[in-house]
Amino acid sequence: MAIFTNRNSSPQNPAPAEGAADKGRAQAGLVPSAEDLRRRARHRLIGSAVLVVAAVILFPLIFDSEPRTVSPTIPIVMDDRIDTVPTGSPAARVDVQKSLADNEEIVADAGNAQAGEIAASGDSARDAEAARVAERDAAAEKEAEARRKAEEERAARQAEDERKAADKKAQERRLAEQKAAEKRAADRKAAEEKAAAARLAEQKAAEERAVEQRAAREAEAEKQRALAEQKAREAEQRKLAEQKAKEAEQRKLAEQKAREDAQKTAEKPAVTYDFPEKGRFVVQVGAFVEEARVAETRRKLSAAGINNFTQKVKIGGKEVTRVRMGPFTSRKEMERVAAKVKALGLPVSMYSY
């Protein structure tokens, strides 16, 4: 029968599709579904019912201690041609009646009547024994039917309990798998968030390091620029100081020479100029080879409010610069300016042309 089919059948006798499906699920590591569990419980219930029916039928036959009574055999007396049976039995009555003619009848004697009564009492005992056996068989059948129903109910309850337990276990397993999946998803999400936070922190740290490095480079560049500017200012200050010192030295030399020239002029007898009252006149302070003396002389004149100009000429093969005031249109104006120049300690020469 299909109930006792071997699930591990050979390729010549392949197992049912549901067995192959169960085996495939088992090999894949999957848990059988509730439908598979119900089908297996139903198969077990049918097998149990078949075993119970077989036990009910076979056990009384094997373990019955009292043998069944069999009706005694009807004695048959053999004659030459005719078989006779005891008088009073139904078979005897039928055969005798059939053998009589229409005008014949049977006359029973006392012996035959007594034999008929004995046969009737034997038949009653046999009928009672058969009734008792039938009653006992009916009781045995009822008891077997009750046991079968009880076994079926117990097997059904057991199958239902197993199904419920399997469903509960499957549900618990599904819940556990769902919780495990949720936990794995949560762990994976937490790991991704942690990795993202670590990447952001690393990126932020890299940006901060880049900002710090850029700030350090800018600070170093600013420091170098400040040092360069400071060095340039110091160099310029030194240059200005040297230039000022040189100009001071030149002024000092020019003033000394002017004093010497003024002293020489003062020691010389006063030169009188015979200039007309009107004409074109100029006042000359001096002719210098050094540009510094030219600049110093002009600075003094400009500081005193005296307009002046320069004129380059060659004297003795050298290029000299004359510092002059004018031209003036009257001798009186020329003499006034010459007096102001002399008051500054500068030499004065007057010319008319």
Protein backbone atom coordinates (compact mmCIF):
# COMPACT_ATOMS: atom_id res chain seq x y z
CA MET A 1 0.00 0.00 0.00
CA ALA A 2 1.01 3.65 -0.33
CA ILE A 3 1.08 3.89 3.47
CA PHE A 4 4.12 1.63 3.74
CA THR A 5 5.94 2.98 0.69
CA ASN A 6 9.70 3.29 1.31
CA ARG A 7 10.74 6.94 0.90
CA ASN A 8 14.34 5.95 0.17
CA SER A 9 13.36 4.02 -2.95
CA SER A 10 15.70 3.14 -5.78
CA PRO A 11 15.71 4.91 -9.17
CA GLN A 12 13.70 1.98 -10.63
CA ASN A 13 10.94 2.56 -8.02
CA PRO A 14 10.98 6.33 -7.43
CA ALA A 15 9.39 7.71 -4.27
CA PRO A 16 6.33 9.94 -4.44
CA ALA A 17 6.76 13.56 -5.34
CA GLU A 18 5.99 14.68 -1.81
CA GLY A 19 8.77 12.41 -0.46
CA ALA A 20 11.21 13.87 -2.98
CA ALA A 21 10.09 17.37 -1.99
CA ASP A 22 10.60 16.54 1.71
CA LYS A 23 14.02 15.07 0.97
CA GLY A 24 14.95 18.13 -1.10
CA ARG A 25 13.86 20.40 1.71
CA ALA A 26 15.78 18.31 4.22
CA GLN A 27 18.92 18.46 2.04
CA ALA A 28 18.49 22.20 1.62
CA GLY A 29 18.33 22.60 5.40
CA LEU A 30 14.73 23.90 5.33
CA VAL A 31 12.16 23.17 8.05
CA PRO A 32 9.09 21.13 6.88
CA SER A 33 5.92 23.14 6.63
CA ALA A 34 2.71 22.56 8.60
CA GLU A 35 1.12 20.89 5.54
CA ASP A 36 3.95 18.31 5.45
CA LEU A 37 3.50 17.61 9.15
CA ARG A 38 -0.29 17.21 8.71
CA ARG A 39 0.24 14.80 5.79
CA ARG A 40 2.69 12.71 7.81
CA ALA A 41 0.30 12.61 10.80
CA ARG A 42 -2.56 11.54 8.52
CA HIS A 43 -0.42 8.71 7.12
CA ARG A 44 0.50 7.58 10.62
CA LEU A 45 -3.18 7.69 11.68
CA ILE A 46 -4.25 5.51 8.72
CA GLY A 47 -1.45 3.04 9.42
CA SER A 48 -2.43 2.87 13.09
CA ALA A 49 -6.08 2.24 12.17
CA VAL A 50 -5.10 -0.62 9.82
CA LEU A 51 -2.95 -2.18 12.54
CA VAL A 52 -5.81 -1.89 15.07
CA VAL A 53 -8.31 -3.58 12.69
CA ALA A 54 -5.84 -6.37 11.98
CA ALA A 55 -5.26 -6.86 15.71
CA VAL A 56 -9.02 -6.96 16.41
CA ILE A 57 -9.52 -9.65 13.77
CA LEU A 58 -6.43 -11.78 14.44
CA PHE A 59 -6.04 -11.61 18.26
CA PRO A 60 -9.36 -13.49 19.08
CA LEU A 61 -8.47 -16.18 16.55
CA ILE A 62 -5.00 -16.69 18.00
CA PHE A 63 -5.67 -16.33 21.73
CA ASP A 64 -9.23 -17.85 22.04
CA SER A 65 -8.94 -20.56 24.78
CA GLU A 66 -12.36 -22.20 24.22
CA PRO A 67 -12.84 -24.00 20.90
CA ARG A 68 -16.13 -23.43 19.15
CA THR A 69 -18.71 -26.18 19.39
CA VAL A 70 -19.71 -27.85 16.17
CA SER A 71 -23.12 -29.37 15.68
CA PRO A 72 -22.96 -33.18 15.84
CA THR A 73 -22.99 -34.97 12.57
CA ILE A 74 -26.38 -36.48 11.61
CA PRO A 75 -26.00 -40.24 11.61
CA ILE A 76 -26.74 -41.88 8.34
CA VAL A 77 -27.58 -45.62 8.19
CA MET A 78 -26.71 -47.19 4.92
CA ASP A 79 -29.10 -49.83 3.47
CA ASP A 80 -28.81 -51.64 0.22
CA ARG A 81 -30.14 -48.77 -1.85
CA ILE A 82 -31.81 -46.29 0.45
CA ASP A 83 -30.09 -43.96 3.01
CA THR A 84 -32.08 -43.61 6.22
CA VAL A 85 -31.91 -40.80 8.78
CA PRO A 86 -33.27 -40.66 12.32
CA THR A 87 -36.98 -40.29 12.58
CA GLY A 88 -38.11 -36.84 13.65
CA SER A 89 -35.41 -34.85 11.79
CA PRO A 90 -36.53 -32.50 9.06
CA ALA A 91 -34.62 -34.42 6.42
CA ALA A 92 -36.33 -37.69 7.42
CA ARG A 93 -39.71 -36.12 7.36
CA VAL A 94 -39.21 -34.67 3.95
CA ASP A 95 -37.88 -37.90 2.43
CA VAL A 96 -40.69 -40.08 3.90
CA GLN A 97 -43.44 -37.75 2.80
CA LYS A 98 -42.06 -37.72 -0.69
CA SER A 99 -41.95 -41.48 -0.78
CA LEU A 100 -45.65 -41.97 0.21
CA ALA A 101 -48.51 -42.35 -2.20
CA ASP A 102 -51.70 -40.31 -2.07
CA ASN A 103 -53.68 -42.93 -0.07
CA GLU A 104 -50.79 -43.71 2.37
CA GLU A 105 -49.92 -42.21 5.81
CA ILE A 106 -47.22 -42.54 8.45
CA VAL A 107 -48.03 -44.18 11.76
CA ALA A 108 -45.46 -43.24 14.48
CA ASP A 109 -44.66 -45.73 17.24
CA ALA A 110 -43.49 -44.94 20.77
CA GLY A 111 -39.81 -45.59 20.09
CA ASN A 112 -39.78 -43.30 17.20
CA ALA A 113 -41.49 -40.56 19.25
CA GLN A 114 -38.86 -40.85 22.00
CA ALA A 115 -36.05 -40.66 19.47
CA GLY A 116 -37.64 -37.57 18.00
CA GLU A 117 -37.76 -35.87 21.37
CA ILE A 118 -34.07 -36.63 21.99
CA ALA A 119 -33.17 -35.27 18.60
CA ALA A 120 -35.25 -32.15 19.27
CA SER A 121 -33.52 -31.59 22.66
CA GLY A 122 -30.11 -31.97 20.97
CA ASP A 123 -31.09 -29.44 18.38
CA SER A 124 -32.18 -26.99 21.11
CA ALA A 125 -28.84 -27.37 22.94
CA ARG A 126 -26.97 -26.80 19.75
CA ASP A 127 -29.09 -23.78 18.97
CA ALA A 128 -28.44 -22.36 22.46
CA GLU A 129 -24.72 -22.97 22.13
CA ALA A 130 -24.71 -21.32 18.73
CA ALA A 131 -26.63 -18.35 20.20
CA ARG A 132 -24.08 -18.06 23.02
CA VAL A 133 -21.21 -18.20 20.54
CA ALA A 134 -22.92 -15.62 18.34
CA GLU A 135 -23.54 -13.39 21.36
CA ARG A 136 -19.91 -13.77 22.48
CA ASP A 137 -18.70 -12.99 18.95
CA ALA A 138 -20.98 -9.94 18.80
CA ALA A 139 -19.63 -8.77 22.19
CA ALA A 140 -16.07 -9.36 21.00
CA GLU A 141 -16.82 -7.46 17.82
CA LYS A 142 -18.37 -4.58 19.80
CA GLU A 143 -15.38 -4.55 22.15
CA ALA A 144 -12.99 -4.62 19.20
CA GLU A 145 -14.99 -1.83 17.53
CA ALA A 146 -14.87 0.19 20.77
CA ARG A 147 -11.14 -0.44 21.08
CA ARG A 148 -10.69 0.49 17.42
CA LYS A 149 -12.66 3.72 17.88
CA ALA A 150 -10.71 4.48 21.06
CA GLU A 151 -7.43 3.83 19.24
CA GLU A 152 -8.56 5.98 16.34
CA GLU A 153 -9.60 8.78 18.70
CA ARG A 154 -6.32 8.46 20.60
CA ALA A 155 -4.33 8.42 17.36
CA ALA A 156 -6.34 11.42 16.10
CA ARG A 157 -5.75 13.28 19.35
CA GLN A 158 -2.09 12.35 19.25
CA ALA A 159 -1.85 13.44 15.60
CA GLU A 160 -3.67 16.68 16.43
CA ASP A 161 -1.37 17.24 19.43
CA GLU A 162 1.66 16.50 17.26
CA ARG A 163 0.29 18.81 14.57
CA LYS A 164 -0.30 21.57 17.12
CA ALA A 165 3.12 20.98 18.64
CA ALA A 166 4.69 20.99 15.18
CA ASP A 167 2.77 24.17 14.27
CA LYS A 168 3.81 25.77 17.53
CA LYS A 169 7.41 24.68 17.05
CA ALA A 170 7.36 25.89 13.44
CA GLN A 171 5.84 29.20 14.55
CA GLU A 172 8.43 29.54 17.31
CA ARG A 173 11.14 28.69 14.79
CA ARG A 174 9.74 31.25 12.34
CA LEU A 175 9.60 33.85 15.11
CA ALA A 176 13.15 32.97 16.15
CA GLU A 177 14.32 33.19 12.54
CA GLN A 178 12.46 36.49 12.12
CA LYS A 179 14.03 37.84 15.31
CA ALA A 180 17.43 36.58 14.20
CA ALA A 181 16.93 38.20 10.77
CA GLU A 182 15.82 41.44 12.42
CA LYS A 183 18.83 41.27 14.76
CA ARG A 184 21.15 40.63 11.81
CA ALA A 185 19.56 43.53 9.92
CA ALA A 186 19.89 45.76 12.99
CA ASP A 187 23.51 44.66 13.49
CA ARG A 188 24.25 45.24 9.81
CA LYS A 189 22.59 48.66 9.95
CA ALA A 190 24.50 49.52 13.14
CA ALA A 191 27.74 48.36 11.52
CA GLU A 192 27.01 50.44 8.42
CA GLU A 193 26.17 53.48 10.55
CA LYS A 194 29.32 52.94 12.60
CA ALA A 195 31.40 52.61 9.43
CA ALA A 196 29.75 55.75 7.99
CA ALA A 197 30.42 57.62 11.24
CA ALA A 198 34.02 56.39 11.19
CA ARG A 199 34.39 57.53 7.57
CA LEU A 200 32.88 60.91 8.40
CA ALA A 201 35.14 61.24 11.44
CA GLU A 202 38.16 60.28 9.35
CA GLN A 203 37.13 62.68 6.60
CA LYS A 204 36.57 65.44 9.15
CA ALA A 205 39.93 64.70 10.78
CA ALA A 206 41.59 64.77 7.34
CA GLU A 207 39.91 68.09 6.56
CA GLU A 208 40.97 69.47 9.94
CA ARG A 209 44.52 68.26 9.32
CA ALA A 210 44.46 69.85 5.86
CA VAL A 211 43.14 73.11 7.37
CA GLU A 212 45.81 73.01 10.06
CA GLN A 213 48.52 72.28 7.51
CA ARG A 214 47.24 75.05 5.24
CA ALA A 215 47.07 77.42 8.22
CA ALA A 216 50.60 76.39 9.24
CA ARG A 217 51.85 76.95 5.69
CA GLU A 218 50.09 80.30 5.53
CA ALA A 219 51.46 81.23 8.96
CA GLU A 220 54.94 80.20 7.86
CA ALA A 221 54.54 82.12 4.60
CA GLU A 222 53.25 85.13 6.54
CA LYS A 223 56.17 84.82 8.90
CA GLN A 224 58.58 84.63 5.98
CA ARG A 225 56.88 87.63 4.35
CA ALA A 226 57.05 89.52 7.64
CA LEU A 227 60.71 88.63 8.01
CA ALA A 228 61.35 89.62 4.40
CA GLU A 229 59.46 92.90 4.88
CA GLN A 230 61.28 93.50 8.14
CA LYS A 231 64.58 92.80 6.45
CA ALA A 232 63.58 95.08 3.55
CA ARG A 233 62.54 97.82 5.99
CA GLU A 234 65.74 97.37 7.92
CA ALA A 235 67.74 97.47 4.70
CA GLU A 236 65.80 100.53 3.58
CA GLN A 237 66.27 102.11 6.96
CA ARG A 238 69.96 101.32 6.83
CA LYS A 239 70.10 102.68 3.32
CA LEU A 240 68.20 105.80 4.37
CA ALA A 241 70.39 106.12 7.43
CA GLU A 242 73.50 105.72 5.28
CA GLN A 243 72.11 108.17 2.76
CA LYS A 244 71.20 110.61 5.53
CA ALA A 245 74.60 110.15 7.08
CA LYS A 246 76.18 110.67 3.69
CA GLU A 247 74.01 113.72 3.04
CA ALA A 248 74.80 115.01 6.51
CA GLU A 249 78.46 114.47 5.83
CA GLN A 250 78.11 116.18 2.48
CA ARG A 251 76.19 119.07 4.06
CA LYS A 252 78.78 119.29 6.72
CA LEU A 253 81.51 119.40 4.10
CA ALA A 254 79.52 121.88 2.00
CA GLU A 255 78.86 124.11 4.98
CA GLN A 256 82.49 123.88 5.97
CA LYS A 257 83.56 124.77 2.45
CA ALA A 258 80.94 127.53 2.30
CA ARG A 259 82.26 128.90 5.55
CA GLU A 260 85.75 128.68 4.20
CA ASP A 261 84.68 130.40 0.99
CA ALA A 262 82.77 133.02 2.93
CA GLN A 263 85.79 133.53 5.14
CA LYS A 264 87.97 133.88 2.08
CA THR A 265 85.50 136.26 0.56
CA ALA A 266 85.31 138.22 3.73
CA GLU A 267 89.06 138.44 3.89
CA LYS A 268 89.17 139.70 0.29
CA PRO A 269 88.52 143.34 -0.23
CA ALA A 270 84.96 144.10 -1.14
CA VAL A 271 84.37 144.05 -4.82
CA THR A 272 82.26 146.75 -6.12
CA TYR A 273 80.20 146.15 -9.14
CA ASP A 274 79.38 148.92 -11.48
CA PHE A 275 75.95 147.83 -12.72
CA PRO A 276 73.37 150.04 -14.31
CA GLU A 277 70.10 150.58 -12.51
CA LYS A 278 68.13 148.72 -15.17
CA GLY A 279 69.02 145.68 -17.20
CA ARG A 280 69.12 141.91 -16.87
CA PHE A 281 70.88 140.61 -13.78
CA VAL A 282 71.48 137.15 -12.17
CA VAL A 283 72.87 136.07 -8.82
CA GLN A 284 75.01 132.91 -8.77
CA VAL A 285 75.72 130.91 -5.60
CA GLY A 286 78.32 128.64 -7.15
CA ALA A 287 79.24 126.05 -9.75
CA PHE A 288 79.43 122.49 -8.37
CA VAL A 289 80.65 119.20 -9.71
CA GLU A 290 78.91 117.08 -7.06
CA GLU A 291 75.17 116.73 -7.41
CA ALA A 292 74.82 116.44 -3.66
CA ARG A 293 76.17 119.95 -3.15
CA VAL A 294 73.84 121.20 -5.85
CA ALA A 295 70.86 119.59 -4.11
CA GLU A 296 71.92 120.84 -0.68
CA THR A 297 72.38 124.43 -1.94
CA ARG A 298 69.05 124.47 -3.70
CA ARG A 299 67.34 123.04 -0.60
CA LYS A 300 68.65 125.89 1.51
CA LEU A 301 67.58 128.48 -1.03
CA SER A 302 64.12 126.97 -1.37
CA ALA A 303 63.76 126.83 2.42
CA ALA A 304 64.51 130.58 2.53
CA GLY A 305 61.85 131.24 -0.12
CA ILE A 306 64.36 132.14 -2.84
CA ASN A 307 63.57 130.89 -6.34
CA ASN A 308 66.56 129.33 -8.08
CA PHE A 309 67.50 127.35 -11.14
CA THR A 310 70.45 125.35 -12.39
CA GLN A 311 72.55 125.60 -15.52
CA LYS A 312 75.01 122.95 -16.71
CA VAL A 313 78.20 124.16 -18.42
CA LYS A 314 81.65 122.77 -19.12
CA ILE A 315 84.59 124.49 -17.49
CA GLY A 316 88.09 123.16 -18.07
CA GLY A 317 86.69 120.01 -19.68
CA LYS A 318 84.52 119.21 -16.68
CA GLU A 319 80.73 119.45 -16.49
CA VAL A 320 79.64 121.66 -13.63
CA THR A 321 76.25 122.83 -12.43
CA ARG A 322 75.60 126.47 -11.73
CA VAL A 323 73.01 127.43 -9.12
CA ARG A 324 71.53 130.83 -9.96
CA MET A 325 68.66 133.17 -9.06
CA GLY A 326 66.95 135.54 -11.43
CA PRO A 327 66.99 137.00 -13.93
CA PHE A 328 66.20 140.35 -12.35
CA THR A 329 65.32 143.57 -14.26
CA SER A 330 66.77 146.01 -11.70
CA ARG A 331 70.05 146.19 -9.83
CA LYS A 332 68.24 146.97 -6.60
CA GLU A 333 66.26 143.73 -6.72
CA MET A 334 69.42 141.79 -7.52
CA GLU A 335 71.24 143.29 -4.55
CA ARG A 336 68.32 142.50 -2.24
CA VAL A 337 68.36 138.82 -3.24
CA ALA A 338 72.16 138.71 -3.00
CA ALA A 339 71.94 140.04 0.56
CA LYS A 340 69.48 137.27 1.51
CA VAL A 341 71.81 134.65 0.02
CA LYS A 342 74.76 136.00 1.91
CA ALA A 343 72.72 135.88 5.12
CA LEU A 344 72.42 132.12 4.55
CA GLY A 345 76.21 131.84 4.55
CA LEU A 346 76.42 131.09 0.87
CA PRO A 347 78.86 132.73 -1.58
CA VAL A 348 77.32 135.23 -4.01
CA SER A 349 78.34 136.36 -7.48
CA MET A 350 76.36 138.87 -9.52
CA TYR A 351 76.30 139.17 -13.26
CA SER A 352 74.76 141.55 -15.79
CA TYR A 353 74.11 140.74 -19.44
